[in-house]
């Protein structure tokens, strides 16, 4: 009898130890994941980190995230927030905030397979979007009780299905990611001009310090563009401040659509804008400035039933390690180039080396 008990005991201990060791390992991994996700407040870097974390820990071929379009948007979009999925880039993959899938994920905290979603939400239009993407597993990304996104996971490298403990582990990762997304979202709100959706002046100054130091340290080029809306006072005086605001928003949108993700467009103050262009020579920055000038000139602002034409004057310069020991000298040189454009008739691009 004692021998059998010893045998049972010898059999159970290794299994229990293995379970506890795995839990300890998972906790250690989650701590490291938390450190990684909270090491940045930059939205694009954070998204990449979340995707790579899920893909690495779960050995996935595909992963993506539905996130809100911007600060003042409620619609969840899949645009560029994915790796491995073969999708049609001409289609906008969106989930409305009142869709049954979003409601389900807001009300529950668990992972779903696509088949489970089909059974639960019926004929909801958002389901068609999910079917096109064809995820293996759908994970709600929550932070502080709010749905901040939806993680879609594809096939695994080993072809195995997700075990229950793996789904729980993914929910823990999603919880950490949700908090990080929420923090990044709050940071975005605090550093963004709500009218134009460009960065505020204080953020611009801090970012310029960082980019100057990086350019000086590793020897990469850095350019700066300064812009001013021509005769902006006329829009306010003749058509009212509402029309003036519409002009600001229109020009800001053109700027946003004309720059790369790594560039930093900002509302410098009033009707003046600035763009920091890392790893960009003066010649390339001038091409960007000319493209923006032309796009603004070709745009039309409709206000009070009238089509209003807008133009901007632009100055461009490049960071010089020997001269630009602070932001002031670099900004002043770009400003001088801008005022050359103003003095020579406006609606043009000038540069100073």
Protein backbone atom coordinates (compact mmCIF):
# COMPACT_ATOMS: atom_id res chain seq x y z
CA UNK A 1 0.00 0.00 0.00
CA UNK A 2 2.76 2.38 0.94
CA UNK A 3 4.63 1.47 -2.22
CA UNK A 4 1.61 2.41 -4.37
CA UNK A 5 1.25 5.73 -2.52
CA UNK A 6 4.93 6.46 -3.14
CA UNK A 7 4.43 5.61 -6.81
CA UNK A 8 1.44 7.98 -7.07
CA UNK A 9 3.39 10.68 -5.30
CA UNK A 10 6.40 10.22 -7.59
CA UNK A 11 4.11 10.51 -10.62
CA UNK A 12 2.28 13.73 -9.57
CA UNK A 13 5.16 15.89 -8.37
CA UNK A 14 6.91 16.35 -11.73
CA UNK A 15 3.61 17.35 -13.41
CA UNK A 16 2.82 19.93 -10.71
CA UNK A 17 6.36 21.28 -10.82
CA UNK A 18 6.12 21.61 -14.60
CA UNK A 19 2.87 23.57 -14.29
CA UNK A 20 4.31 25.93 -11.67
CA UNK A 21 7.51 26.40 -13.64
CA UNK A 22 5.51 27.33 -16.72
CA UNK A 23 3.44 29.83 -14.70
CA UNK A 24 6.59 31.39 -13.27
CA UNK A 25 8.12 31.57 -16.74
CA UNK A 26 4.93 33.14 -18.14
CA UNK A 27 4.90 35.75 -15.36
CA UNK A 28 8.53 36.63 -16.03
CA UNK A 29 7.74 36.95 -19.73
CA UNK A 30 4.74 39.19 -19.02
CA UNK A 31 6.92 41.45 -16.87
CA UNK A 32 9.40 41.79 -19.73
CA UNK A 33 6.56 42.39 -22.20
CA UNK A 34 5.15 45.09 -19.92
CA UNK A 35 8.54 46.80 -19.75
CA UNK A 36 8.84 46.71 -23.52
CA UNK A 37 5.35 48.02 -24.24
CA UNK A 38 5.65 50.84 -21.74
CA UNK A 39 9.08 51.93 -22.97
CA UNK A 40 7.53 54.08 -25.71
CA UNK A 41 4.57 56.40 -26.16
CA UNK A 42 5.02 56.62 -29.92
CA UNK A 43 1.93 55.07 -31.50
CA UNK A 44 3.56 53.45 -34.54
CA UNK A 45 6.44 51.96 -32.56
CA UNK A 46 3.98 50.64 -29.97
CA UNK A 47 1.80 48.96 -32.61
CA UNK A 48 4.83 47.22 -34.11
CA UNK A 49 5.91 46.10 -30.64
CA UNK A 50 2.48 44.59 -29.88
CA UNK A 51 2.36 42.72 -33.20
CA UNK A 52 5.90 41.37 -32.89
CA UNK A 53 5.28 40.34 -29.27
CA UNK A 54 2.20 38.31 -30.23
CA UNK A 55 3.91 36.78 -33.26
CA UNK A 56 7.06 35.86 -31.36
CA UNK A 57 5.45 34.38 -28.27
CA UNK A 58 2.74 32.48 -30.13
CA UNK A 59 4.85 31.61 -33.21
CA UNK A 60 2.44 33.21 -35.66
CA UNK A 61 2.62 33.77 -39.39
CA UNK A 62 0.13 36.67 -39.33
CA UNK A 63 -1.03 39.28 -36.81
CA UNK A 64 -2.83 42.61 -36.95
CA UNK A 65 -4.77 45.15 -34.89
CA UNK A 66 -7.94 47.11 -35.44
CA UNK A 67 -7.36 50.58 -33.94
CA UNK A 68 -9.24 53.85 -34.05
CA UNK A 69 -8.38 56.13 -36.95
CA UNK A 70 -7.43 59.05 -34.76
CA UNK A 71 -8.12 61.06 -31.64
CA UNK A 72 -11.60 62.18 -32.74
CA UNK A 73 -12.65 58.95 -34.50
CA UNK A 74 -14.72 56.04 -33.20
CA UNK A 75 -14.31 53.71 -36.19
CA UNK A 76 -11.78 50.88 -35.84
CA UNK A 77 -9.54 50.43 -38.90
CA UNK A 78 -7.06 47.74 -39.96
CA UNK A 79 -5.09 50.07 -42.28
CA UNK A 80 -1.33 49.28 -42.15
CA UNK A 81 -1.65 47.85 -38.63
CA UNK A 82 -0.83 44.29 -39.66
CA UNK A 83 1.91 41.86 -40.67
CA UNK A 84 1.56 38.78 -42.88
CA UNK A 85 -2.07 39.25 -43.99
CA UNK A 86 -2.48 39.41 -47.78
CA UNK A 87 -5.13 42.11 -48.17
CA UNK A 88 -6.48 44.36 -50.91
CA UNK A 89 -4.98 47.83 -50.26
CA UNK A 90 -7.81 49.53 -52.16
CA UNK A 91 -10.33 48.40 -49.51
CA UNK A 92 -10.84 50.09 -46.12
CA UNK A 93 -11.21 47.35 -43.51
CA UNK A 94 -13.34 49.03 -40.84
CA UNK A 95 -15.51 48.13 -37.85
CA UNK A 96 -18.17 50.61 -36.77
CA UNK A 97 -18.42 51.33 -33.01
CA UNK A 98 -22.05 50.12 -32.96
CA UNK A 99 -21.30 46.85 -34.78
CA UNK A 100 -22.23 43.62 -33.03
CA UNK A 101 -18.62 42.42 -32.97
CA UNK A 102 -17.41 45.59 -31.23
CA UNK A 103 -20.28 45.41 -28.74
CA UNK A 104 -19.52 41.75 -27.99
CA UNK A 105 -15.82 42.44 -27.38
CA UNK A 106 -16.65 45.46 -25.23
CA UNK A 107 -18.97 43.39 -23.02
CA UNK A 108 -16.79 40.29 -22.66
CA UNK A 109 -13.13 39.54 -22.00
CA UNK A 110 -12.26 36.36 -23.84
CA UNK A 111 -10.74 35.20 -27.11
CA UNK A 112 -12.96 34.16 -30.01
CA UNK A 113 -12.37 32.08 -33.11
CA UNK A 114 -13.92 33.34 -36.33
CA UNK A 115 -16.39 30.45 -36.21
CA UNK A 116 -17.51 31.49 -32.72
CA UNK A 117 -18.07 35.06 -33.90
CA UNK A 118 -20.13 33.85 -36.83
CA UNK A 119 -22.34 31.86 -34.46
CA UNK A 120 -22.74 34.75 -32.00
CA UNK A 121 -23.24 37.89 -34.12
CA UNK A 122 -25.26 36.45 -37.00
CA UNK A 123 -25.66 38.71 -40.04
CA UNK A 124 -23.85 41.77 -38.73
CA UNK A 125 -22.12 43.64 -41.65
CA UNK A 126 -18.87 43.82 -39.67
CA UNK A 127 -18.68 40.05 -39.90
CA UNK A 128 -18.02 40.30 -43.64
CA UNK A 129 -14.92 42.38 -42.91
CA UNK A 130 -13.72 39.72 -40.48
CA UNK A 131 -14.36 36.94 -43.01
CA UNK A 132 -12.22 38.72 -45.63
CA UNK A 133 -9.30 39.05 -43.20
CA UNK A 134 -9.90 35.47 -41.98
CA UNK A 135 -8.22 35.43 -38.54
CA UNK A 136 -7.69 32.27 -36.51
CA UNK A 137 -8.23 34.05 -33.20
CA UNK A 138 -9.72 37.42 -32.18
CA UNK A 139 -8.51 39.04 -28.94
CA UNK A 140 -10.03 42.19 -27.36
CA UNK A 141 -7.44 44.83 -26.52
CA UNK A 142 -8.72 46.62 -23.44
CA UNK A 143 -7.29 49.31 -21.20
CA UNK A 144 -8.96 50.63 -18.06
CA UNK A 145 -12.19 48.80 -18.95
CA UNK A 146 -12.38 50.33 -22.43
CA UNK A 147 -12.00 48.59 -25.78
CA UNK A 148 -8.98 50.27 -27.38
CA UNK A 149 -8.50 47.82 -30.21
CA UNK A 150 -8.94 44.29 -31.49
CA UNK A 151 -6.02 41.94 -32.11
CA UNK A 152 -6.39 39.47 -34.98
CA UNK A 153 -4.08 36.47 -35.00
CA UNK A 154 -3.46 34.25 -38.00
CA UNK A 155 -2.08 30.76 -38.48
CA UNK A 156 0.64 29.36 -36.25
CA UNK A 157 3.96 28.18 -37.65
CA UNK A 158 3.48 24.71 -36.12
CA UNK A 159 -0.13 24.51 -37.34
CA UNK A 160 -1.48 23.77 -33.83
CA UNK A 161 -4.66 25.24 -32.37
CA UNK A 162 -4.51 27.63 -29.42
CA UNK A 163 -4.72 25.91 -26.04
CA UNK A 164 -6.84 27.42 -23.27
CA UNK A 165 -3.82 28.50 -21.23
CA UNK A 166 -2.40 30.19 -24.35
CA UNK A 167 -5.64 32.11 -24.81
CA UNK A 168 -5.42 33.30 -21.20
CA UNK A 169 -1.81 34.27 -21.78
CA UNK A 170 -2.84 36.26 -24.86
CA UNK A 171 -5.52 38.06 -22.83
CA UNK A 172 -2.81 39.07 -20.35
CA UNK A 173 -0.65 40.39 -23.19
CA UNK A 174 -3.68 42.21 -24.63
CA UNK A 175 -4.41 43.75 -21.21
CA UNK A 176 -0.86 45.12 -20.98
CA UNK A 177 -1.05 46.30 -24.59
CA UNK A 178 -4.42 47.94 -23.95
CA UNK A 179 -3.00 50.01 -21.10
CA UNK A 180 0.01 50.98 -23.24
CA UNK A 181 -2.32 52.02 -26.10
CA UNK A 182 -4.42 54.06 -23.67
CA UNK A 183 -1.32 55.83 -22.36
CA UNK A 184 -0.11 56.50 -25.90
CA UNK A 185 -3.57 57.82 -26.78
CA UNK A 186 -3.54 60.22 -23.80
CA UNK A 187 -0.03 61.32 -24.74
CA UNK A 188 -1.21 61.91 -28.30
CA UNK A 189 -4.05 64.09 -27.03
CA UNK A 190 -1.72 66.09 -24.78
CA UNK A 191 0.76 66.77 -27.60
CA UNK A 192 -1.66 67.38 -30.49
CA UNK A 193 -3.39 70.57 -31.57
CA UNK A 194 -7.01 69.45 -31.60
CA UNK A 195 -8.06 71.70 -34.48
CA UNK A 196 -5.36 70.83 -37.01
CA UNK A 197 -4.35 67.40 -35.59
CA UNK A 198 -0.70 68.47 -35.88
CA UNK A 199 1.79 68.49 -33.02
CA UNK A 200 1.79 71.48 -30.67
CA UNK A 201 4.66 73.98 -30.40
CA UNK A 202 6.11 72.51 -27.19
CA UNK A 203 6.28 69.03 -28.70
CA UNK A 204 7.92 70.46 -31.82
CA UNK A 205 10.68 72.10 -29.76
CA UNK A 206 11.34 68.92 -27.75
CA UNK A 207 11.35 66.77 -30.90
CA UNK A 208 13.73 69.15 -32.66
CA UNK A 209 16.19 68.87 -29.78
CA UNK A 210 16.09 65.06 -30.03
CA UNK A 211 16.48 65.04 -33.81
CA UNK A 212 19.34 67.56 -33.72
CA UNK A 213 21.19 65.48 -31.15
CA UNK A 214 20.62 62.29 -33.16
CA UNK A 215 21.73 63.90 -36.42
CA UNK A 216 24.82 65.32 -34.75
CA UNK A 217 25.67 62.03 -33.08
CA UNK A 218 25.31 59.66 -36.03
CA UNK A 219 25.90 62.09 -38.88
CA UNK A 220 22.58 61.80 -40.69
CA UNK A 221 21.01 64.83 -42.43
CA UNK A 222 18.13 66.76 -40.89
CA UNK A 223 15.99 69.43 -42.56
CA UNK A 224 13.40 71.90 -41.34
CA UNK A 225 10.47 73.46 -43.20
CA UNK A 226 8.64 76.57 -41.97
CA UNK A 227 5.35 77.65 -43.60
CA UNK A 228 2.94 80.55 -43.29
CA UNK A 229 -0.53 80.97 -44.83
CA UNK A 230 -0.56 84.00 -47.12
CA UNK A 231 -2.93 86.87 -46.20
CA UNK A 232 -4.52 84.77 -43.46
CA UNK A 233 -5.92 87.87 -41.73
CA UNK A 234 -8.11 88.46 -44.78
CA UNK A 235 -9.90 85.14 -44.25
CA UNK A 236 -10.72 86.06 -40.65
CA UNK A 237 -11.66 89.69 -41.36
CA UNK A 238 -13.73 89.18 -44.51
CA UNK A 239 -15.24 85.73 -43.97
CA UNK A 240 -15.10 85.25 -40.19
CA UNK A 241 -13.05 83.11 -37.84
CA UNK A 242 -15.00 79.96 -38.76
CA UNK A 243 -13.69 80.25 -42.32
CA UNK A 244 -10.24 81.00 -40.95
CA UNK A 245 -10.37 77.79 -38.95
CA UNK A 246 -11.45 75.85 -42.05
CA UNK A 247 -8.42 77.21 -43.92
CA UNK A 248 -6.10 76.10 -41.10
CA UNK A 249 -7.61 72.61 -41.10
CA UNK A 250 -7.34 72.33 -44.90
CA UNK A 251 -3.69 73.34 -44.99
CA UNK A 252 -2.88 71.03 -42.06
CA UNK A 253 -4.50 68.10 -43.89
CA UNK A 254 -2.42 68.79 -47.00
CA UNK A 255 0.72 68.85 -44.85
CA UNK A 256 -0.17 65.55 -43.16
CA UNK A 257 -0.83 63.87 -46.50
CA UNK A 258 2.49 65.10 -47.92
CA UNK A 259 4.90 63.80 -45.29
CA UNK A 260 6.25 60.43 -44.17
CA UNK A 261 5.40 58.72 -40.89
CA UNK A 262 8.82 59.54 -39.44
CA UNK A 263 8.44 63.27 -40.24
CA UNK A 264 7.07 65.58 -37.54
CA UNK A 265 4.54 68.17 -38.77
CA UNK A 266 3.51 70.78 -36.18
CA UNK A 267 1.40 73.88 -35.78
CA UNK A 268 4.12 76.32 -34.84
CA UNK A 269 1.68 79.05 -33.86
CA UNK A 270 -1.29 80.91 -35.35
CA UNK A 271 -1.22 80.34 -39.12
CA UNK A 272 2.41 79.16 -39.13
CA UNK A 273 3.39 75.49 -39.52
CA UNK A 274 6.65 73.56 -39.32
CA UNK A 275 7.91 70.13 -40.37
CA UNK A 276 10.95 68.32 -38.99
CA UNK A 277 12.34 65.94 -41.62
CA UNK A 278 14.83 63.42 -40.17
CA UNK A 279 17.36 61.78 -42.48
CA UNK A 280 16.54 64.29 -45.23
CA UNK A 281 18.90 66.45 -47.31
CA UNK A 282 18.05 70.05 -48.19
CA UNK A 283 17.31 69.13 -51.81
CA UNK A 284 14.80 66.44 -50.81
CA UNK A 285 13.17 68.74 -48.23
CA UNK A 286 12.79 71.43 -50.89
CA UNK A 287 10.99 68.94 -53.13
CA UNK A 288 8.60 68.13 -50.27
CA UNK A 289 8.02 71.86 -49.68
CA UNK A 290 7.28 72.48 -53.37
CA UNK A 291 4.81 69.59 -53.40
CA UNK A 292 3.01 71.02 -50.36
CA UNK A 293 2.93 74.53 -51.85
CA UNK A 294 1.41 73.25 -55.09
CA UNK A 295 -1.15 71.03 -53.30
CA UNK A 296 -2.31 73.95 -51.14
CA UNK A 297 -2.60 76.23 -54.18
CA UNK A 298 -4.70 73.62 -55.98
CA UNK A 299 -7.01 73.07 -53.00
CA UNK A 300 -10.28 74.91 -52.42
CA UNK A 301 -11.90 75.80 -49.10
CA UNK A 302 -15.69 76.02 -49.33
CA UNK A 303 -17.05 78.47 -46.77
CA UNK A 304 -20.40 80.29 -46.66
CA UNK A 305 -21.12 79.10 -50.19
CA UNK A 306 -17.89 80.54 -51.58
CA UNK A 307 -14.84 78.76 -52.96
CA UNK A 308 -11.80 80.28 -51.28
CA UNK A 309 -8.30 79.93 -52.72
CA UNK A 310 -5.37 79.51 -50.36
CA UNK A 311 -1.61 79.85 -50.82
CA UNK A 312 1.35 79.47 -48.50
CA UNK A 313 4.91 80.75 -48.34
CA UNK A 314 7.65 78.33 -47.34
CA UNK A 315 11.21 78.42 -46.06
CA UNK A 316 13.57 75.43 -45.98
CA UNK A 317 16.94 74.85 -44.34
CA UNK A 318 19.18 72.00 -43.23
CA UNK A 319 20.75 71.34 -39.84
CA UNK A 320 24.42 72.28 -39.57
CA UNK A 321 26.27 70.62 -36.71
CA UNK A 322 28.77 73.46 -36.43
CA UNK A 323 26.25 76.31 -36.44
CA UNK A 324 23.10 74.90 -34.87
CA UNK A 325 24.04 74.31 -31.24
CA UNK A 326 20.41 74.95 -30.25
CA UNK A 327 16.95 75.09 -31.82
CA UNK A 328 16.98 78.87 -32.13
CA UNK A 329 19.60 79.18 -34.86
CA UNK A 330 18.04 76.44 -37.00
CA UNK A 331 14.50 77.83 -36.67
CA UNK A 332 15.69 81.38 -37.35
CA UNK A 333 17.38 80.30 -40.59
CA UNK A 334 14.23 78.52 -41.79
CA UNK A 335 12.23 81.60 -40.77
CA UNK A 336 14.54 83.85 -42.79
CA UNK A 337 14.00 81.63 -45.81
CA UNK A 338 10.24 81.88 -45.21
CA UNK A 339 10.35 85.67 -45.13
CA UNK A 340 12.35 85.71 -48.36
CA UNK A 341 9.37 83.92 -49.91
CA UNK A 342 7.04 86.53 -48.40
CA UNK A 343 9.15 89.43 -49.63
CA UNK A 344 9.44 88.05 -53.16
CA UNK A 345 5.70 87.81 -53.70
CA UNK A 346 4.45 84.93 -51.55
CA UNK A 347 3.22 81.48 -52.70
CA UNK A 348 6.76 80.24 -53.22
CA UNK A 349 9.53 78.16 -51.65
CA UNK A 350 12.89 79.63 -50.61
CA UNK A 351 15.86 77.92 -49.03
CA UNK A 352 18.88 78.93 -46.98
CA UNK A 353 21.86 76.65 -46.48
